[in-house]
Amino acid sequence: MKAIRKHNLIIYTALVVILSAFVKPESTIDLTQLKQNIEHSFQQLDGNFALAFVNLSDSSQKIMINTEDTFHAASTMKTPVMIEIYNQAAQGKFKLSDSILVKNKFKSIVDGSSYTMDIGEDSGDALYKKIGQKVTIHDLMYDMITVSSNLATNILIELVNAKKVTTSMRKLGAKDIQVLRGVEDIKAYDLGLNNTTTAKDLMIIMKAIATNKAGNKKDCDEMISILKDQKFNDMIPKYLPKNVKIAHKTGSITGVHHDSGIVYLPNGKAYVLIILSKNLKDFDKATDEMAKVSKEIFEFMMQI
């Protein structure tokens, strides 16, 4: 009898092991609880926040918090500019390998008066050494995204036209984002003429890149590759494992910090995450908390 019981126990144990390999464990947290956790995190901070999350494998799995609230776009508007560059290149208006002159003189959208960029206010300072020289459109675009060069951005916006950038975003379904001007146009800023966005629109734009709707597959793959080379990684990627690849674009000005990206997991899943903030009293504390929110969403995605 003991031998039979022992034999049955071995068979039972083997069956449990085999079945466990095929049965997906239940999530330890659901979307409702995750959303509540995120809202609680935001409520502990001084500032205003918005978040958009969608699982690219199952669009019914999403979290939308204040997603239609308007925020100063800061440097997140550089992603739409990149999309428009690829659009116009596809139309034959220029090649990405074409070279254009690096200059530091631009016109205000208010009255056409000229203004220049301040190297001290620009994270992409290396480009200033090339003023008066020619640089390829591709290299300017790469600097605009990866090191958030404002000088490169203004040169490229002048090339493709801000209004055409906004028009292209409308075609993608982003109904509120506004790309009005280049960076550091103080006269426009003083009149409230700013580039603005919503979390929902940035989600639509990033999803369009991820699903080859923002251009052909080759162009979208190139955009993703550039976004993956982002040098500012203190929000969405901060607490994620190194083998997680993030194609993203950040943005920050005084009291404002954003991150918008596509997160690619080792298991083949991917999701879009947008986190926007404004009126921050403690920039560093808020940034770290938003990075922890990113980690919560990553952990949710890894358990489903």
C-alpha atoms as a PDB file:
ATOM      1  CA  MET A   1       0.000   0.000   0.000  1.00  0.00           C
ATOM      2  CA  LYS A   2       2.799   2.372   0.899  1.00  0.00           C
ATOM      3  CA  ALA A   3       4.437   1.684  -2.460  1.00  0.00           C
ATOM      4  CA  ILE A   4       1.165   2.437  -4.283  1.00  0.00           C
ATOM      5  CA  ARG A   5       0.653   5.688  -2.348  1.00  0.00           C
ATOM      6  CA  LYS A   6       4.207   6.738  -3.059  1.00  0.00           C
ATOM      7  CA  HIS A   7       3.720   5.921  -6.741  1.00  0.00           C
ATOM      8  CA  ASN A   8       0.471   7.941  -6.850  1.00  0.00           C
ATOM      9  CA  LEU A   9       2.153  10.883  -5.114  1.00  0.00           C
ATOM     10  CA  ILE A  10       4.922  10.898  -7.716  1.00  0.00           C
ATOM     11  CA  ILE A  11       2.356  10.844 -10.532  1.00  0.00           C
ATOM     12  CA  TYR A  12       0.348  13.657  -8.899  1.00  0.00           C
ATOM     13  CA  THR A  13       3.456  15.789  -8.413  1.00  0.00           C
ATOM     14  CA  ALA A  14       4.499  15.237 -12.017  1.00  0.00           C
ATOM     15  CA  LEU A  15       1.056  16.273 -13.257  1.00  0.00           C
ATOM     16  CA  VAL A  16       1.141  19.468 -11.169  1.00  0.00           C
ATOM     17  CA  VAL A  17       4.532  20.394 -12.625  1.00  0.00           C
ATOM     18  CA  ILE A  18       3.373  19.713 -16.185  1.00  0.00           C
ATOM     19  CA  LEU A  19       0.113  21.630 -15.816  1.00  0.00           C
ATOM     20  CA  SER A  20       1.822  24.583 -14.191  1.00  0.00           C
ATOM     21  CA  ALA A  21       3.918  25.004 -17.309  1.00  0.00           C
ATOM     22  CA  PHE A  22       0.772  25.549 -19.390  1.00  0.00           C
ATOM     23  CA  VAL A  23      -1.538  27.385 -17.007  1.00  0.00           C
ATOM     24  CA  LYS A  24      -0.929  31.127 -16.849  1.00  0.00           C
ATOM     25  CA  PRO A  25      -0.874  32.394 -13.257  1.00  0.00           C
ATOM     26  CA  GLU A  26      -3.623  34.810 -12.368  1.00  0.00           C
ATOM     27  CA  SER A  27      -2.623  38.461 -12.214  1.00  0.00           C
ATOM     28  CA  THR A  28      -1.911  39.636  -8.711  1.00  0.00           C
ATOM     29  CA  ILE A  29      -3.348  43.037  -9.612  1.00  0.00           C
ATOM     30  CA  ASP A  30      -6.018  44.054 -12.084  1.00  0.00           C
ATOM     31  CA  LEU A  31      -6.339  47.201 -14.191  1.00  0.00           C
ATOM     32  CA  THR A  32      -8.819  48.818 -11.830  1.00  0.00           C
ATOM     33  CA  GLN A  33      -6.510  48.423  -8.858  1.00  0.00           C
ATOM     34  CA  LEU A  34      -3.513  49.544 -10.906  1.00  0.00           C
ATOM     35  CA  LYS A  35      -5.310  52.715 -11.955  1.00  0.00           C
ATOM     36  CA  GLN A  36      -6.290  53.423  -8.347  1.00  0.00           C
ATOM     37  CA  ASN A  37      -2.683  52.942  -7.261  1.00  0.00           C
ATOM     38  CA  ILE A  38      -1.459  55.375  -9.901  1.00  0.00           C
ATOM     39  CA  GLU A  39      -4.071  57.984  -9.020  1.00  0.00           C
ATOM     40  CA  HIS A  40      -3.100  57.675  -5.369  1.00  0.00           C
ATOM     41  CA  SER A  41       0.566  58.215  -6.271  1.00  0.00           C
ATOM     42  CA  PHE A  42      -0.288  61.374  -8.216  1.00  0.00           C
ATOM     43  CA  GLN A  43      -2.472  62.679  -5.380  1.00  0.00           C
ATOM     44  CA  GLN A  44       0.513  62.601  -3.026  1.00  0.00           C
ATOM     45  CA  LEU A  45       2.395  65.083  -5.213  1.00  0.00           C
ATOM     46  CA  ASP A  46       2.066  68.824  -5.773  1.00  0.00           C
ATOM     47  CA  GLY A  47       1.213  69.224  -9.432  1.00  0.00           C
ATOM     48  CA  ASN A  48      -1.098  68.101 -12.209  1.00  0.00           C
ATOM     49  CA  PHE A  49      -0.695  64.794 -14.009  1.00  0.00           C
ATOM     50  CA  ALA A  50      -2.009  62.796 -16.934  1.00  0.00           C
ATOM     51  CA  LEU A  51      -1.301  59.215 -17.965  1.00  0.00           C
ATOM     52  CA  ALA A  52      -2.201  57.074 -20.955  1.00  0.00           C
ATOM     53  CA  PHE A  53      -1.316  53.396 -21.136  1.00  0.00           C
ATOM     54  CA  VAL A  54      -2.348  50.807 -23.724  1.00  0.00           C
ATOM     55  CA  ASN A  55      -1.267  47.225 -24.281  1.00  0.00           C
ATOM     56  CA  LEU A  56      -0.421  46.939 -27.988  1.00  0.00           C
ATOM     57  CA  SER A  57      -1.420  43.267 -27.990  1.00  0.00           C
ATOM     58  CA  ASP A  58      -4.840  43.955 -26.461  1.00  0.00           C
ATOM     59  CA  SER A  59      -6.087  47.529 -26.807  1.00  0.00           C
ATOM     60  CA  SER A  60      -8.888  46.842 -24.319  1.00  0.00           C
ATOM     61  CA  GLN A  61      -6.193  46.848 -21.629  1.00  0.00           C
ATOM     62  CA  LYS A  62      -5.642  50.535 -21.094  1.00  0.00           C
ATOM     63  CA  ILE A  63      -5.547  53.204 -18.395  1.00  0.00           C
ATOM     64  CA  MET A  64      -6.603  56.768 -19.140  1.00  0.00           C
ATOM     65  CA  ILE A  65      -6.121  59.461 -16.487  1.00  0.00           C
ATOM     66  CA  ASN A  66      -6.787  63.120 -17.397  1.00  0.00           C
ATOM     67  CA  THR A  67      -5.877  62.184 -20.959  1.00  0.00           C
ATOM     68  CA  GLU A  68      -7.627  65.140 -22.605  1.00  0.00           C
ATOM     69  CA  ASP A  69      -6.149  67.791 -20.296  1.00  0.00           C
ATOM     70  CA  THR A  70      -3.866  70.237 -22.111  1.00  0.00           C
ATOM     71  CA  PHE A  71      -0.173  70.453 -21.252  1.00  0.00           C
ATOM     72  CA  HIS A  72       2.711  72.496 -22.608  1.00  0.00           C
ATOM     73  CA  ALA A  73       4.247  69.972 -25.004  1.00  0.00           C
ATOM     74  CA  ALA A  74       7.863  70.885 -24.190  1.00  0.00           C
ATOM     75  CA  SER A  75      10.134  68.590 -26.219  1.00  0.00           C
ATOM     76  CA  THR A  76       7.534  65.870 -26.781  1.00  0.00           C
ATOM     77  CA  MET A  77       6.531  67.871 -29.878  1.00  0.00           C
ATOM     78  CA  LYS A  78       9.800  66.786 -31.472  1.00  0.00           C
ATOM     79  CA  THR A  79       8.355  63.347 -32.189  1.00  0.00           C
ATOM     80  CA  PRO A  80       5.642  64.807 -34.463  1.00  0.00           C
ATOM     81  CA  VAL A  81       8.351  66.858 -36.188  1.00  0.00           C
ATOM     82  CA  MET A  82      10.304  63.647 -36.838  1.00  0.00           C
ATOM     83  CA  ILE A  83       7.201  61.977 -38.300  1.00  0.00           C
ATOM     84  CA  GLU A  84       6.654  64.928 -40.635  1.00  0.00           C
ATOM     85  CA  ILE A  85      10.285  64.818 -41.774  1.00  0.00           C
ATOM     86  CA  TYR A  86       9.819  61.189 -42.810  1.00  0.00           C
ATOM     87  CA  ASN A  87       6.480  62.042 -44.441  1.00  0.00           C
ATOM     88  CA  GLN A  88       7.974  64.797 -46.580  1.00  0.00           C
ATOM     89  CA  ALA A  89      10.999  62.689 -47.453  1.00  0.00           C
ATOM     90  CA  ALA A  90       8.614  59.946 -48.631  1.00  0.00           C
ATOM     91  CA  GLN A  91       6.866  62.571 -50.791  1.00  0.00           C
ATOM     92  CA  GLY A  92      10.198  63.334 -52.454  1.00  0.00           C
ATOM     93  CA  LYS A  93      10.602  66.853 -51.086  1.00  0.00           C
ATOM     94  CA  PHE A  94      14.109  66.004 -49.884  1.00  0.00           C
ATOM     95  CA  LYS A  95      16.293  63.097 -48.851  1.00  0.00           C
ATOM     96  CA  LEU A  96      17.361  62.465 -45.278  1.00  0.00           C
ATOM     97  CA  SER A  97      20.916  62.371 -46.588  1.00  0.00           C
ATOM     98  CA  ASP A  98      20.603  65.953 -47.911  1.00  0.00           C
ATOM     99  CA  SER A  99      22.673  68.517 -46.042  1.00  0.00           C
ATOM    100  CA  ILE A 100      21.403  71.890 -44.836  1.00  0.00           C
ATOM    101  CA  LEU A 101      23.138  74.866 -43.277  1.00  0.00           C
ATOM    102  CA  VAL A 102      23.327  75.079 -39.501  1.00  0.00           C
ATOM    103  CA  LYS A 103      22.339  78.587 -38.458  1.00  0.00           C
ATOM    104  CA  ASN A 104      21.249  80.289 -35.295  1.00  0.00           C
ATOM    105  CA  LYS A 105      18.784  82.888 -36.462  1.00  0.00           C
ATOM    106  CA  PHE A 106      15.031  82.318 -36.548  1.00  0.00           C
ATOM    107  CA  LYS A 107      11.836  84.323 -36.975  1.00  0.00           C
ATOM    108  CA  SER A 108       9.184  84.766 -34.286  1.00  0.00           C
ATOM    109  CA  ILE A 109       5.706  83.652 -35.310  1.00  0.00           C
ATOM    110  CA  VAL A 110       4.379  86.837 -33.683  1.00  0.00           C
ATOM    111  CA  ASP A 111       5.906  89.508 -35.907  1.00  0.00           C
ATOM    112  CA  GLY A 112       8.689  87.931 -37.924  1.00  0.00           C
ATOM    113  CA  SER A 113      11.396  89.519 -35.801  1.00  0.00           C
ATOM    114  CA  SER A 114      14.582  87.495 -35.461  1.00  0.00           C
ATOM    115  CA  TYR A 115      15.824  85.681 -32.378  1.00  0.00           C
ATOM    116  CA  THR A 116      18.692  83.354 -31.576  1.00  0.00           C
ATOM    117  CA  MET A 117      19.066  80.262 -29.423  1.00  0.00           C
ATOM    118  CA  ASP A 118      21.017  80.284 -26.159  1.00  0.00           C
ATOM    119  CA  ILE A 119      23.552  77.462 -25.947  1.00  0.00           C
ATOM    120  CA  GLY A 120      23.187  77.567 -22.161  1.00  0.00           C
ATOM    121  CA  GLU A 121      19.521  76.599 -22.483  1.00  0.00           C
ATOM    122  CA  ASP A 122      20.088  73.792 -24.981  1.00  0.00           C
ATOM    123  CA  SER A 123      20.965  70.213 -24.046  1.00  0.00           C
ATOM    124  CA  GLY A 124      22.281  69.621 -27.566  1.00  0.00           C
ATOM    125  CA  ASP A 125      25.166  72.049 -27.288  1.00  0.00           C
ATOM    126  CA  ALA A 126      27.549  70.194 -29.646  1.00  0.00           C
ATOM    127  CA  LEU A 127      25.644  71.414 -32.703  1.00  0.00           C
ATOM    128  CA  TYR A 128      26.554  75.037 -31.955  1.00  0.00           C
ATOM    129  CA  LYS A 129      30.141  74.244 -32.969  1.00  0.00           C
ATOM    130  CA  LYS A 130      28.839  73.503 -36.466  1.00  0.00           C
ATOM    131  CA  ILE A 131      27.086  76.833 -37.078  1.00  0.00           C
ATOM    132  CA  GLY A 132      27.975  77.928 -40.615  1.00  0.00           C
ATOM    133  CA  GLN A 133      28.571  74.328 -41.700  1.00  0.00           C
ATOM    134  CA  LYS A 134      26.249  71.853 -43.380  1.00  0.00           C
ATOM    135  CA  VAL A 135      24.798  68.828 -41.584  1.00  0.00           C
ATOM    136  CA  THR A 136      22.521  66.108 -42.953  1.00  0.00           C
ATOM    137  CA  ILE A 137      18.815  66.235 -42.194  1.00  0.00           C
ATOM    138  CA  HIS A 138      19.097  62.774 -40.649  1.00  0.00           C
ATOM    139  CA  ASP A 139      21.826  63.868 -38.226  1.00  0.00           C
ATOM    140  CA  LEU A 140      19.879  66.974 -37.220  1.00  0.00           C
ATOM    141  CA  MET A 141      16.801  64.817 -36.621  1.00  0.00           C
ATOM    142  CA  TYR A 142      18.827  62.315 -34.585  1.00  0.00           C
ATOM    143  CA  ASP A 143      20.124  65.135 -32.354  1.00  0.00           C
ATOM    144  CA  MET A 144      16.629  66.610 -32.054  1.00  0.00           C
ATOM    145  CA  ILE A 145      15.342  63.337 -30.578  1.00  0.00           C
ATOM    146  CA  THR A 146      18.247  61.755 -28.706  1.00  0.00           C
ATOM    147  CA  VAL A 147      19.789  64.810 -27.022  1.00  0.00           C
ATOM    148  CA  SER A 148      16.737  67.041 -27.550  1.00  0.00           C
ATOM    149  CA  SER A 149      18.690  69.675 -29.474  1.00  0.00           C
ATOM    150  CA  ASN A 150      16.611  72.848 -29.676  1.00  0.00           C
ATOM    151  CA  LEU A 151      18.834  74.298 -32.386  1.00  0.00           C
ATOM    152  CA  ALA A 152      18.311  71.218 -34.568  1.00  0.00           C
ATOM    153  CA  THR A 153      14.584  71.384 -33.865  1.00  0.00           C
ATOM    154  CA  ASN A 154      14.236  74.972 -35.051  1.00  0.00           C
ATOM    155  CA  ILE A 155      16.207  74.291 -38.223  1.00  0.00           C
ATOM    156  CA  LEU A 156      13.991  71.297 -38.994  1.00  0.00           C
ATOM    157  CA  ILE A 157      10.697  73.044 -38.163  1.00  0.00           C
ATOM    158  CA  GLU A 158      11.696  75.781 -40.572  1.00  0.00           C
ATOM    159  CA  LEU A 159      12.317  73.062 -43.167  1.00  0.00           C
ATOM    160  CA  VAL A 160       8.988  71.199 -42.833  1.00  0.00           C
ATOM    161  CA  ASN A 161       6.679  73.980 -41.495  1.00  0.00           C
ATOM    162  CA  ALA A 162       4.989  73.728 -38.095  1.00  0.00           C
ATOM    163  CA  LYS A 163       1.465  73.912 -39.566  1.00  0.00           C
ATOM    164  CA  LYS A 164       2.154  70.877 -41.731  1.00  0.00           C
ATOM    165  CA  VAL A 165       3.340  68.976 -38.648  1.00  0.00           C
ATOM    166  CA  THR A 166       0.019  69.658 -36.922  1.00  0.00           C
ATOM    167  CA  THR A 167      -1.949  68.734 -40.060  1.00  0.00           C
ATOM    168  CA  SER A 168      -0.176  65.377 -40.229  1.00  0.00           C
ATOM    169  CA  MET A 169      -0.981  64.690 -36.584  1.00  0.00           C
ATOM    170  CA  ARG A 170      -4.677  65.334 -37.320  1.00  0.00           C
ATOM    171  CA  LYS A 171      -4.511  62.708 -40.066  1.00  0.00           C
ATOM    172  CA  LEU A 172      -3.201  60.219 -37.513  1.00  0.00           C
ATOM    173  CA  GLY A 173      -6.185  60.982 -35.261  1.00  0.00           C
ATOM    174  CA  ALA A 174      -4.488  63.305 -32.778  1.00  0.00           C
ATOM    175  CA  LYS A 175      -7.144  66.025 -32.604  1.00  0.00           C
ATOM    176  CA  ASP A 176      -5.722  68.405 -29.991  1.00  0.00           C
ATOM    177  CA  ILE A 177      -1.935  68.523 -30.239  1.00  0.00           C
ATOM    178  CA  GLN A 178      -0.649  71.855 -31.556  1.00  0.00           C
ATOM    179  CA  VAL A 179       2.784  72.414 -33.064  1.00  0.00           C
ATOM    180  CA  LEU A 180       2.812  76.162 -33.585  1.00  0.00           C
ATOM    181  CA  ARG A 181       6.444  77.149 -33.487  1.00  0.00           C
ATOM    182  CA  GLY A 182      10.057  76.418 -32.783  1.00  0.00           C
ATOM    183  CA  VAL A 183      11.753  76.606 -29.407  1.00  0.00           C
ATOM    184  CA  GLU A 184      12.642  79.756 -27.438  1.00  0.00           C
ATOM    185  CA  ASP A 185      10.333  82.082 -29.356  1.00  0.00           C
ATOM    186  CA  ILE A 186       9.914  84.319 -26.313  1.00  0.00           C
ATOM    187  CA  LYS A 187       7.498  86.766 -27.955  1.00  0.00           C
ATOM    188  CA  ALA A 188       5.166  83.884 -28.775  1.00  0.00           C
ATOM    189  CA  TYR A 189       5.603  82.382 -25.309  1.00  0.00           C
ATOM    190  CA  ASP A 190       4.664  85.687 -23.655  1.00  0.00           C
ATOM    191  CA  LEU A 191       1.446  85.742 -25.682  1.00  0.00           C
ATOM    192  CA  GLY A 192       0.611  82.165 -24.751  1.00  0.00           C
ATOM    193  CA  LEU A 193       1.320  80.842 -28.236  1.00  0.00           C
ATOM    194  CA  ASN A 194       2.805  77.526 -27.183  1.00  0.00           C
ATOM    195  CA  ASN A 195       3.120  74.010 -28.488  1.00  0.00           C
ATOM    196  CA  THR A 196       0.585  71.959 -26.554  1.00  0.00           C
ATOM    197  CA  THR A 197      -0.458  68.344 -26.264  1.00  0.00           C
ATOM    198  CA  THR A 198      -2.603  65.849 -24.421  1.00  0.00           C
ATOM    199  CA  ALA A 199      -1.683  62.405 -23.144  1.00  0.00           C
ATOM    200  CA  LYS A 200      -4.293  60.875 -25.442  1.00  0.00           C
ATOM    201  CA  ASP A 201      -2.787  62.465 -28.542  1.00  0.00           C
ATOM    202  CA  LEU A 202       0.750  61.403 -27.665  1.00  0.00           C
ATOM    203  CA  MET A 203      -0.573  57.879 -27.106  1.00  0.00           C
ATOM    204  CA  ILE A 204      -2.165  57.949 -30.574  1.00  0.00           C
ATOM    205  CA  ILE A 205       1.078  59.220 -32.118  1.00  0.00           C
ATOM    206  CA  MET A 206       3.333  56.675 -30.395  1.00  0.00           C
ATOM    207  CA  LYS A 207       0.909  53.860 -31.220  1.00  0.00           C
ATOM    208  CA  ALA A 208       0.963  54.993 -34.859  1.00  0.00           C
ATOM    209  CA  ILE A 209       4.745  54.651 -34.931  1.00  0.00           C
ATOM    210  CA  ALA A 210       4.626  51.258 -33.201  1.00  0.00           C
ATOM    211  CA  THR A 211       2.033  49.888 -35.644  1.00  0.00           C
ATOM    212  CA  ASN A 212       3.487  51.357 -38.866  1.00  0.00           C
ATOM    213  CA  LYS A 213       0.667  53.882 -39.268  1.00  0.00           C
ATOM    214  CA  ALA A 214       2.956  56.933 -39.025  1.00  0.00           C
ATOM    215  CA  GLY A 215       4.720  55.960 -42.241  1.00  0.00           C
ATOM    216  CA  ASN A 216       5.807  52.826 -44.045  1.00  0.00           C
ATOM    217  CA  LYS A 217       7.370  49.998 -42.033  1.00  0.00           C
ATOM    218  CA  LYS A 218      10.932  50.955 -42.910  1.00  0.00           C
ATOM    219  CA  ASP A 219      10.426  54.564 -41.828  1.00  0.00           C
ATOM    220  CA  CYS A 220       8.632  53.568 -38.613  1.00  0.00           C
ATOM    221  CA  ASP A 221      11.392  51.089 -37.791  1.00  0.00           C
ATOM    222  CA  GLU A 222      13.946  53.865 -38.245  1.00  0.00           C
ATOM    223  CA  MET A 223      11.939  56.217 -36.014  1.00  0.00           C
ATOM    224  CA  ILE A 224      11.779  53.535 -33.320  1.00  0.00           C
ATOM    225  CA  SER A 225      15.523  52.973 -33.598  1.00  0.00           C
ATOM    226  CA  ILE A 226      16.187  56.689 -33.086  1.00  0.00           C
ATOM    227  CA  LEU A 227      13.767  56.893 -30.149  1.00  0.00           C
ATOM    228  CA  LYS A 228      15.526  53.921 -28.528  1.00  0.00           C
ATOM    229  CA  ASP A 229      18.752  55.968 -28.482  1.00  0.00           C
ATOM    230  CA  GLN A 230      17.176  58.550 -26.158  1.00  0.00           C
ATOM    231  CA  LYS A 231      19.815  59.897 -23.739  1.00  0.00           C
ATOM    232  CA  PHE A 232      17.421  61.144 -21.033  1.00  0.00           C
ATOM    233  CA  ASN A 233      16.178  58.114 -19.133  1.00  0.00           C
ATOM    234  CA  ASP A 234      15.073  59.270 -15.689  1.00  0.00           C
ATOM    235  CA  MET A 235      11.364  58.521 -16.042  1.00  0.00           C
ATOM    236  CA  ILE A 236       9.881  55.602 -18.013  1.00  0.00           C
ATOM    237  CA  PRO A 237      13.120  53.544 -18.125  1.00  0.00           C
ATOM    238  CA  LYS A 238      14.557  54.444 -14.713  1.00  0.00           C
ATOM    239  CA  TYR A 239      13.420  51.404 -12.698  1.00  0.00           C
ATOM    240  CA  LEU A 240      13.021  48.932 -15.567  1.00  0.00           C
ATOM    241  CA  PRO A 241      15.452  46.071 -16.288  1.00  0.00           C
ATOM    242  CA  LYS A 242      18.227  46.770 -18.789  1.00  0.00           C
ATOM    243  CA  ASN A 243      16.901  44.152 -21.222  1.00  0.00           C
ATOM    244  CA  VAL A 244      13.691  46.162 -21.652  1.00  0.00           C
ATOM    245  CA  LYS A 245      13.941  48.416 -24.714  1.00  0.00           C
ATOM    246  CA  ILE A 246      12.191  51.779 -24.652  1.00  0.00           C
ATOM    247  CA  ALA A 247      11.629  53.998 -27.688  1.00  0.00           C
ATOM    248  CA  HIS A 248      10.723  57.312 -26.106  1.00  0.00           C
ATOM    249  CA  LYS A 249      10.881  61.099 -26.106  1.00  0.00           C
ATOM    250  CA  THR A 250      11.004  63.222 -22.999  1.00  0.00           C
ATOM    251  CA  GLY A 251      10.236  66.879 -22.458  1.00  0.00           C
ATOM    252  CA  SER A 252      10.802  69.338 -19.651  1.00  0.00           C
ATOM    253  CA  ILE A 253      10.647  73.018 -18.842  1.00  0.00           C
ATOM    254  CA  THR A 254      10.174  74.772 -15.499  1.00  0.00           C
ATOM    255  CA  GLY A 255       7.551  72.856 -13.506  1.00  0.00           C
ATOM    256  CA  VAL A 256       6.896  70.471 -16.390  1.00  0.00           C
ATOM    257  CA  HIS A 257       8.229  66.961 -17.014  1.00  0.00           C
ATOM    258  CA  HIS A 258       6.949  64.449 -19.568  1.00  0.00           C
ATOM    259  CA  ASP A 259       7.863  61.103 -21.037  1.00  0.00           C
ATOM    260  CA  SER A 260       6.184  59.401 -23.967  1.00  0.00           C
ATOM    261  CA  GLY A 261       7.205  56.041 -25.303  1.00  0.00           C
ATOM    262  CA  ILE A 262       6.825  52.501 -26.545  1.00  0.00           C
ATOM    263  CA  VAL A 263       8.078  49.813 -24.152  1.00  0.00           C
ATOM    264  CA  TYR A 264       9.273  46.502 -25.628  1.00  0.00           C
ATOM    265  CA  LEU A 265       9.371  43.567 -23.200  1.00  0.00           C
ATOM    266  CA  PRO A 266      11.674  40.520 -23.457  1.00  0.00           C
ATOM    267  CA  ASN A 267       8.611  38.259 -23.855  1.00  0.00           C
ATOM    268  CA  GLY A 268       7.629  39.990 -27.110  1.00  0.00           C
ATOM    269  CA  LYS A 269       4.832  42.131 -25.674  1.00  0.00           C
ATOM    270  CA  ALA A 270       4.836  45.899 -26.052  1.00  0.00           C
ATOM    271  CA  TYR A 271       2.872  48.828 -24.715  1.00  0.00           C
ATOM    272  CA  VAL A 272       2.601  52.581 -25.069  1.00  0.00           C
ATOM    273  CA  LEU A 273       2.976  54.741 -21.978  1.00  0.00           C
ATOM    274  CA  ILE A 274       2.569  58.501 -21.732  1.00  0.00           C
ATOM    275  CA  ILE A 275       3.148  60.401 -18.466  1.00  0.00           C
ATOM    276  CA  LEU A 276       2.653  64.179 -18.411  1.00  0.00           C
ATOM    277  CA  SER A 277       3.011  66.668 -15.575  1.00  0.00           C
ATOM    278  CA  LYS A 278       2.802  70.407 -14.908  1.00  0.00           C
ATOM    279  CA  ASN A 279       2.828  72.860 -11.994  1.00  0.00           C
ATOM    280  CA  LEU A 280       5.396  70.694 -10.207  1.00  0.00           C
ATOM    281  CA  LYS A 281       6.558  72.065  -6.871  1.00  0.00           C
ATOM    282  CA  ASP A 282       9.260  69.420  -6.376  1.00  0.00           C
ATOM    283  CA  PHE A 283      10.548  68.439  -9.824  1.00  0.00           C
ATOM    284  CA  ASP A 284      12.900  65.666  -8.692  1.00  0.00           C
ATOM    285  CA  LYS A 285      10.436  64.064  -6.287  1.00  0.00           C
ATOM    286  CA  ALA A 286       7.682  64.059  -8.915  1.00  0.00           C
ATOM    287  CA  THR A 287      10.017  62.640 -11.543  1.00  0.00           C
ATOM    288  CA  ASP A 288      11.023  59.766  -9.298  1.00  0.00           C
ATOM    289  CA  GLU A 289       7.402  59.003  -8.421  1.00  0.00           C
ATOM    290  CA  MET A 290       6.441  58.978 -12.097  1.00  0.00           C
ATOM    291  CA  ALA A 291       9.324  56.573 -12.714  1.00  0.00           C
ATOM    292  CA  LYS A 292       7.870  54.297 -10.023  1.00  0.00           C
ATOM    293  CA  VAL A 293       4.487  54.462 -11.748  1.00  0.00           C
ATOM    294  CA  SER A 294       6.230  53.286 -14.914  1.00  0.00           C
ATOM    295  CA  LYS A 295       7.635  50.354 -12.961  1.00  0.00           C
ATOM    296  CA  GLU A 296       4.147  49.429 -11.677  1.00  0.00           C
ATOM    297  CA  ILE A 297       2.826  49.288 -15.231  1.00  0.00           C
ATOM    298  CA  PHE A 298       5.823  47.205 -16.329  1.00  0.00           C
ATOM    299  CA  GLU A 299       5.177  44.726 -13.498  1.00  0.00           C
ATOM    300  CA  PHE A 300       1.514  44.510 -14.490  1.00  0.00           C
ATOM    301  CA  MET A 301       2.455  43.752 -18.090  1.00  0.00           C
ATOM    302  CA  MET A 302       4.907  41.062 -17.010  1.00  0.00           C
ATOM    303  CA  GLN A 303       2.269  39.179 -15.028  1.00  0.00           C
ATOM    304  CA  ILE A 304      -0.497  38.995 -17.666  1.00  0.00           C
END
